[in-house]
N, C-alpha and C. Protein backbone atom coordinates (compact mmCIF):
# COMPACT_ATOMS: atom_id res chain seq x y z
N MET A 1 -53.62 -24.53 38.25
CA MET A 1 -53.51 -24.11 39.64
C MET A 1 -54.75 -23.28 40.00
N ASN A 2 -55.26 -23.54 41.17
CA ASN A 2 -56.43 -22.82 41.67
C ASN A 2 -56.00 -21.52 42.34
N ASN A 3 -56.96 -20.61 42.45
CA ASN A 3 -56.66 -19.40 43.21
C ASN A 3 -57.37 -19.48 44.56
N LEU A 4 -56.97 -18.65 45.47
CA LEU A 4 -57.48 -18.72 46.84
C LEU A 4 -58.99 -18.50 46.95
N PRO A 5 -59.57 -17.54 46.23
CA PRO A 5 -61.02 -17.40 46.32
C PRO A 5 -61.78 -18.64 45.85
N GLN A 6 -61.27 -19.35 44.83
CA GLN A 6 -61.90 -20.59 44.38
C GLN A 6 -61.86 -21.65 45.47
N ILE A 7 -60.72 -21.76 46.13
CA ILE A 7 -60.57 -22.74 47.21
C ILE A 7 -61.50 -22.39 48.35
N GLN A 8 -61.52 -21.12 48.72
CA GLN A 8 -62.39 -20.66 49.80
C GLN A 8 -63.85 -20.98 49.48
N LYS A 9 -64.28 -20.69 48.27
CA LYS A 9 -65.68 -20.91 47.87
C LYS A 9 -66.02 -22.40 47.89
N ALA A 10 -65.12 -23.24 47.42
CA ALA A 10 -65.37 -24.69 47.42
C ALA A 10 -65.56 -25.21 48.84
N VAL A 11 -64.72 -24.74 49.76
CA VAL A 11 -64.83 -25.17 51.16
C VAL A 11 -66.11 -24.63 51.79
N GLU A 12 -66.42 -23.38 51.53
CA GLU A 12 -67.65 -22.79 52.07
C GLU A 12 -68.88 -23.54 51.55
N ASN A 13 -68.88 -23.89 50.27
CA ASN A 13 -70.00 -24.63 49.70
C ASN A 13 -70.13 -26.00 50.33
N TYR A 14 -69.00 -26.69 50.52
CA TYR A 14 -69.04 -28.03 51.11
C TYR A 14 -69.63 -27.98 52.52
N PHE A 15 -69.19 -27.02 53.31
CA PHE A 15 -69.66 -26.92 54.70
C PHE A 15 -70.96 -26.12 54.82
N ASN A 16 -71.47 -25.63 53.69
CA ASN A 16 -72.70 -24.82 53.67
C ASN A 16 -72.58 -23.62 54.61
N LEU A 17 -71.47 -22.91 54.48
CA LEU A 17 -71.20 -21.72 55.28
C LEU A 17 -71.26 -20.49 54.39
N PRO A 18 -71.80 -19.38 54.91
CA PRO A 18 -71.79 -18.16 54.11
C PRO A 18 -70.36 -17.65 53.88
N THR A 19 -69.50 -17.84 54.87
CA THR A 19 -68.09 -17.45 54.75
C THR A 19 -67.27 -18.11 55.86
N ILE A 20 -65.99 -18.33 55.59
CA ILE A 20 -65.10 -18.79 56.66
C ILE A 20 -64.29 -17.63 57.21
N GLN A 21 -64.53 -16.44 56.65
CA GLN A 21 -63.88 -15.23 57.17
C GLN A 21 -64.70 -14.74 58.36
N THR A 22 -64.16 -14.95 59.54
CA THR A 22 -64.89 -14.54 60.73
C THR A 22 -64.06 -13.56 61.53
N GLU A 23 -64.73 -12.74 62.26
CA GLU A 23 -64.06 -11.76 63.11
C GLU A 23 -64.11 -12.18 64.58
N ARG A 24 -64.84 -13.25 64.85
CA ARG A 24 -64.99 -13.68 66.23
C ARG A 24 -63.68 -14.26 66.76
N GLU A 25 -63.49 -14.10 68.04
CA GLU A 25 -62.28 -14.64 68.65
C GLU A 25 -62.33 -16.17 68.69
N LYS A 26 -63.49 -16.72 68.98
CA LYS A 26 -63.65 -18.17 69.06
C LYS A 26 -64.64 -18.62 67.98
N ASP A 27 -64.17 -19.45 67.05
CA ASP A 27 -65.03 -19.99 66.02
C ASP A 27 -65.57 -21.34 66.48
N ASN A 28 -66.72 -21.73 65.93
CA ASN A 28 -67.22 -23.05 66.26
C ASN A 28 -66.43 -24.11 65.50
N THR A 29 -66.63 -25.35 65.86
CA THR A 29 -65.84 -26.45 65.31
C THR A 29 -65.95 -26.56 63.79
N VAL A 30 -67.15 -26.35 63.27
CA VAL A 30 -67.33 -26.45 61.82
C VAL A 30 -66.50 -25.41 61.09
N VAL A 31 -66.50 -24.19 61.57
CA VAL A 31 -65.72 -23.12 60.93
C VAL A 31 -64.23 -23.42 61.04
N VAL A 32 -63.79 -23.89 62.18
CA VAL A 32 -62.36 -24.21 62.36
C VAL A 32 -61.96 -25.35 61.42
N ASP A 33 -62.79 -26.38 61.32
CA ASP A 33 -62.49 -27.47 60.38
C ASP A 33 -62.45 -26.97 58.95
N ALA A 34 -63.36 -26.08 58.59
CA ALA A 34 -63.35 -25.50 57.25
C ALA A 34 -62.06 -24.72 57.01
N LYS A 35 -61.61 -23.98 58.00
CA LYS A 35 -60.36 -23.22 57.86
C LYS A 35 -59.17 -24.16 57.72
N LYS A 36 -59.19 -25.28 58.42
CA LYS A 36 -58.11 -26.26 58.31
C LYS A 36 -58.07 -26.84 56.90
N ILE A 37 -59.23 -27.23 56.39
CA ILE A 37 -59.31 -27.79 55.03
C ILE A 37 -58.84 -26.74 54.01
N TYR A 38 -59.35 -25.52 54.14
CA TYR A 38 -58.95 -24.44 53.23
C TYR A 38 -57.43 -24.25 53.27
N SER A 39 -56.86 -24.19 54.46
CA SER A 39 -55.42 -23.94 54.61
C SER A 39 -54.60 -25.04 53.94
N LEU A 40 -54.98 -26.29 54.17
CA LEU A 40 -54.23 -27.40 53.58
C LEU A 40 -54.40 -27.42 52.05
N LEU A 41 -55.61 -27.20 51.57
CA LEU A 41 -55.82 -27.14 50.12
C LEU A 41 -55.02 -26.00 49.50
N ALA A 42 -55.07 -24.84 50.13
CA ALA A 42 -54.36 -23.68 49.59
C ALA A 42 -52.85 -23.94 49.54
N ARG A 43 -52.34 -24.59 50.55
CA ARG A 43 -50.90 -24.87 50.57
C ARG A 43 -50.52 -25.92 49.52
N ASN A 44 -51.38 -26.94 49.37
CA ASN A 44 -51.05 -28.03 48.45
C ASN A 44 -51.33 -27.69 46.98
N LEU A 45 -52.27 -26.79 46.73
CA LEU A 45 -52.67 -26.52 45.35
C LEU A 45 -52.16 -25.19 44.81
N THR A 46 -51.52 -24.39 45.65
CA THR A 46 -51.00 -23.11 45.20
C THR A 46 -49.56 -22.93 45.69
N ASN A 47 -48.96 -21.86 45.26
CA ASN A 47 -47.61 -21.52 45.72
C ASN A 47 -47.62 -20.30 46.64
N TYR A 48 -48.78 -19.95 47.17
CA TYR A 48 -48.88 -18.78 48.03
C TYR A 48 -48.25 -19.03 49.39
N SER A 49 -47.77 -17.96 49.99
CA SER A 49 -47.16 -18.04 51.32
C SER A 49 -48.24 -18.20 52.38
N PHE A 50 -47.82 -18.59 53.58
CA PHE A 50 -48.76 -18.70 54.70
C PHE A 50 -49.44 -17.36 54.95
N ARG A 51 -48.70 -16.29 54.83
CA ARG A 51 -49.25 -14.96 55.08
C ARG A 51 -50.38 -14.64 54.10
N ILE A 52 -50.16 -14.90 52.82
CA ILE A 52 -51.17 -14.61 51.80
C ILE A 52 -52.38 -15.53 51.98
N ILE A 53 -52.14 -16.80 52.27
CA ILE A 53 -53.24 -17.74 52.50
C ILE A 53 -54.12 -17.25 53.64
N GLY A 54 -53.49 -16.81 54.71
CA GLY A 54 -54.24 -16.32 55.87
C GLY A 54 -54.96 -15.02 55.59
N GLU A 55 -54.31 -14.10 54.93
CA GLU A 55 -54.93 -12.81 54.64
C GLU A 55 -56.20 -12.96 53.82
N ASN A 56 -56.26 -13.98 52.97
CA ASN A 56 -57.44 -14.19 52.14
C ASN A 56 -58.69 -14.49 52.97
N ILE A 57 -58.51 -15.04 54.16
CA ILE A 57 -59.67 -15.34 55.01
C ILE A 57 -59.66 -14.51 56.29
N GLY A 58 -58.91 -13.42 56.28
CA GLY A 58 -58.95 -12.49 57.41
C GLY A 58 -58.08 -12.85 58.59
N ILE A 59 -57.08 -13.71 58.38
CA ILE A 59 -56.15 -14.09 59.45
C ILE A 59 -54.82 -13.41 59.16
N ASP A 60 -54.38 -12.56 60.09
CA ASP A 60 -53.14 -11.83 59.84
C ASP A 60 -51.93 -12.49 60.51
N ASN A 61 -52.14 -13.64 61.13
CA ASN A 61 -51.07 -14.34 61.82
C ASN A 61 -50.72 -15.60 61.01
N HIS A 62 -49.60 -15.57 60.30
CA HIS A 62 -49.24 -16.71 59.45
C HIS A 62 -49.01 -17.98 60.24
N SER A 63 -48.64 -17.86 61.50
CA SER A 63 -48.40 -19.06 62.31
C SER A 63 -49.70 -19.82 62.58
N LEU A 64 -50.83 -19.14 62.58
CA LEU A 64 -52.12 -19.83 62.73
C LEU A 64 -52.40 -20.69 61.51
N ILE A 65 -52.06 -20.22 60.33
CA ILE A 65 -52.22 -21.02 59.11
C ILE A 65 -51.32 -22.24 59.18
N LEU A 66 -50.09 -22.06 59.61
CA LEU A 66 -49.17 -23.19 59.77
C LEU A 66 -49.75 -24.21 60.75
N TYR A 67 -50.33 -23.74 61.84
CA TYR A 67 -50.97 -24.61 62.83
C TYR A 67 -52.15 -25.36 62.20
N TYR A 68 -53.00 -24.65 61.45
CA TYR A 68 -54.14 -25.30 60.79
C TYR A 68 -53.67 -26.39 59.82
N ILE A 69 -52.61 -26.12 59.07
CA ILE A 69 -52.10 -27.11 58.13
C ILE A 69 -51.57 -28.33 58.85
N LYS A 70 -50.83 -28.11 59.91
CA LYS A 70 -50.30 -29.23 60.69
C LYS A 70 -51.43 -30.08 61.26
N LYS A 71 -52.45 -29.44 61.83
CA LYS A 71 -53.58 -30.17 62.40
C LYS A 71 -54.36 -30.90 61.30
N ALA A 72 -54.55 -30.25 60.15
CA ALA A 72 -55.29 -30.88 59.05
C ALA A 72 -54.56 -32.12 58.55
N LYS A 73 -53.25 -32.05 58.44
CA LYS A 73 -52.48 -33.23 58.01
C LYS A 73 -52.66 -34.36 59.01
N GLY A 74 -52.62 -34.04 60.28
CA GLY A 74 -52.82 -35.05 61.32
C GLY A 74 -54.22 -35.66 61.26
N HIS A 75 -55.23 -34.82 61.06
CA HIS A 75 -56.60 -35.31 60.94
C HIS A 75 -56.75 -36.21 59.71
N CYS A 76 -56.12 -35.84 58.61
CA CYS A 76 -56.21 -36.65 57.40
C CYS A 76 -55.59 -38.03 57.60
N GLU A 77 -54.54 -38.10 58.41
CA GLU A 77 -53.90 -39.38 58.67
C GLU A 77 -54.71 -40.26 59.61
N CYS A 78 -55.44 -39.64 60.55
CA CYS A 78 -56.10 -40.41 61.61
C CYS A 78 -57.62 -40.51 61.47
N GLU A 79 -58.22 -39.59 60.78
CA GLU A 79 -59.68 -39.54 60.71
C GLU A 79 -60.15 -39.68 59.26
N LYS A 80 -60.77 -40.80 58.96
CA LYS A 80 -61.22 -41.07 57.60
C LYS A 80 -62.23 -40.02 57.13
N GLY A 81 -63.13 -39.60 58.00
CA GLY A 81 -64.14 -38.60 57.63
C GLY A 81 -63.52 -37.29 57.22
N PHE A 82 -62.50 -36.84 57.97
CA PHE A 82 -61.83 -35.58 57.65
C PHE A 82 -61.11 -35.69 56.31
N LYS A 83 -60.45 -36.83 56.11
CA LYS A 83 -59.73 -37.03 54.84
C LYS A 83 -60.72 -37.06 53.67
N ASN A 84 -61.89 -37.66 53.88
CA ASN A 84 -62.90 -37.68 52.82
C ASN A 84 -63.37 -36.27 52.47
N ILE A 85 -63.55 -35.43 53.48
CA ILE A 85 -63.95 -34.04 53.23
C ILE A 85 -62.87 -33.33 52.42
N TYR A 86 -61.62 -33.51 52.85
CA TYR A 86 -60.49 -32.90 52.13
C TYR A 86 -60.49 -33.36 50.67
N ASN A 87 -60.61 -34.66 50.45
CA ASN A 87 -60.58 -35.20 49.09
C ASN A 87 -61.78 -34.73 48.27
N ASP A 88 -62.96 -34.65 48.88
CA ASP A 88 -64.14 -34.15 48.16
C ASP A 88 -63.92 -32.72 47.69
N CYS A 89 -63.41 -31.88 48.57
CA CYS A 89 -63.16 -30.48 48.20
C CYS A 89 -62.07 -30.39 47.13
N LYS A 90 -61.02 -31.17 47.29
CA LYS A 90 -59.92 -31.17 46.32
C LYS A 90 -60.41 -31.64 44.95
N ASN A 91 -61.20 -32.71 44.93
CA ASN A 91 -61.70 -33.22 43.66
C ASN A 91 -62.63 -32.22 42.99
N GLU A 92 -63.44 -31.53 43.77
CA GLU A 92 -64.31 -30.50 43.22
C GLU A 92 -63.49 -29.39 42.57
N LEU A 93 -62.42 -28.97 43.23
CA LEU A 93 -61.54 -27.94 42.67
C LEU A 93 -60.87 -28.41 41.39
N LEU A 94 -60.40 -29.63 41.39
CA LEU A 94 -59.70 -30.15 40.21
C LEU A 94 -60.65 -30.34 39.03
N ARG A 95 -61.92 -30.66 39.31
CA ARG A 95 -62.92 -30.79 38.23
C ARG A 95 -63.21 -29.44 37.59
N ASN A 96 -63.14 -28.38 38.39
CA ASN A 96 -63.51 -27.04 37.90
C ASN A 96 -62.34 -26.25 37.33
N THR A 97 -61.19 -26.88 37.15
CA THR A 97 -60.06 -26.14 36.59
C THR A 97 -59.80 -26.53 35.16
């Protein structure tokens, strides 16, 4: 099982972002997509609660994590590119465990 910082780092590396922990009210699309991927990976690869998953990236509203997961699942079903990103990050995590 992966831990949340490992998942966060894998997603940040994939998107070439310094961090997905932002304080801005409005994030750009790349950061939001990274947060969606992180949220879905964290939920699928760990047993942490929505609250803990969110707190790791500076989100104190667990319902936002639930929203990100729901949207990420939808994107994975409809958008091949998004699903490929998810699978690339997941495979990277599984290789490093």
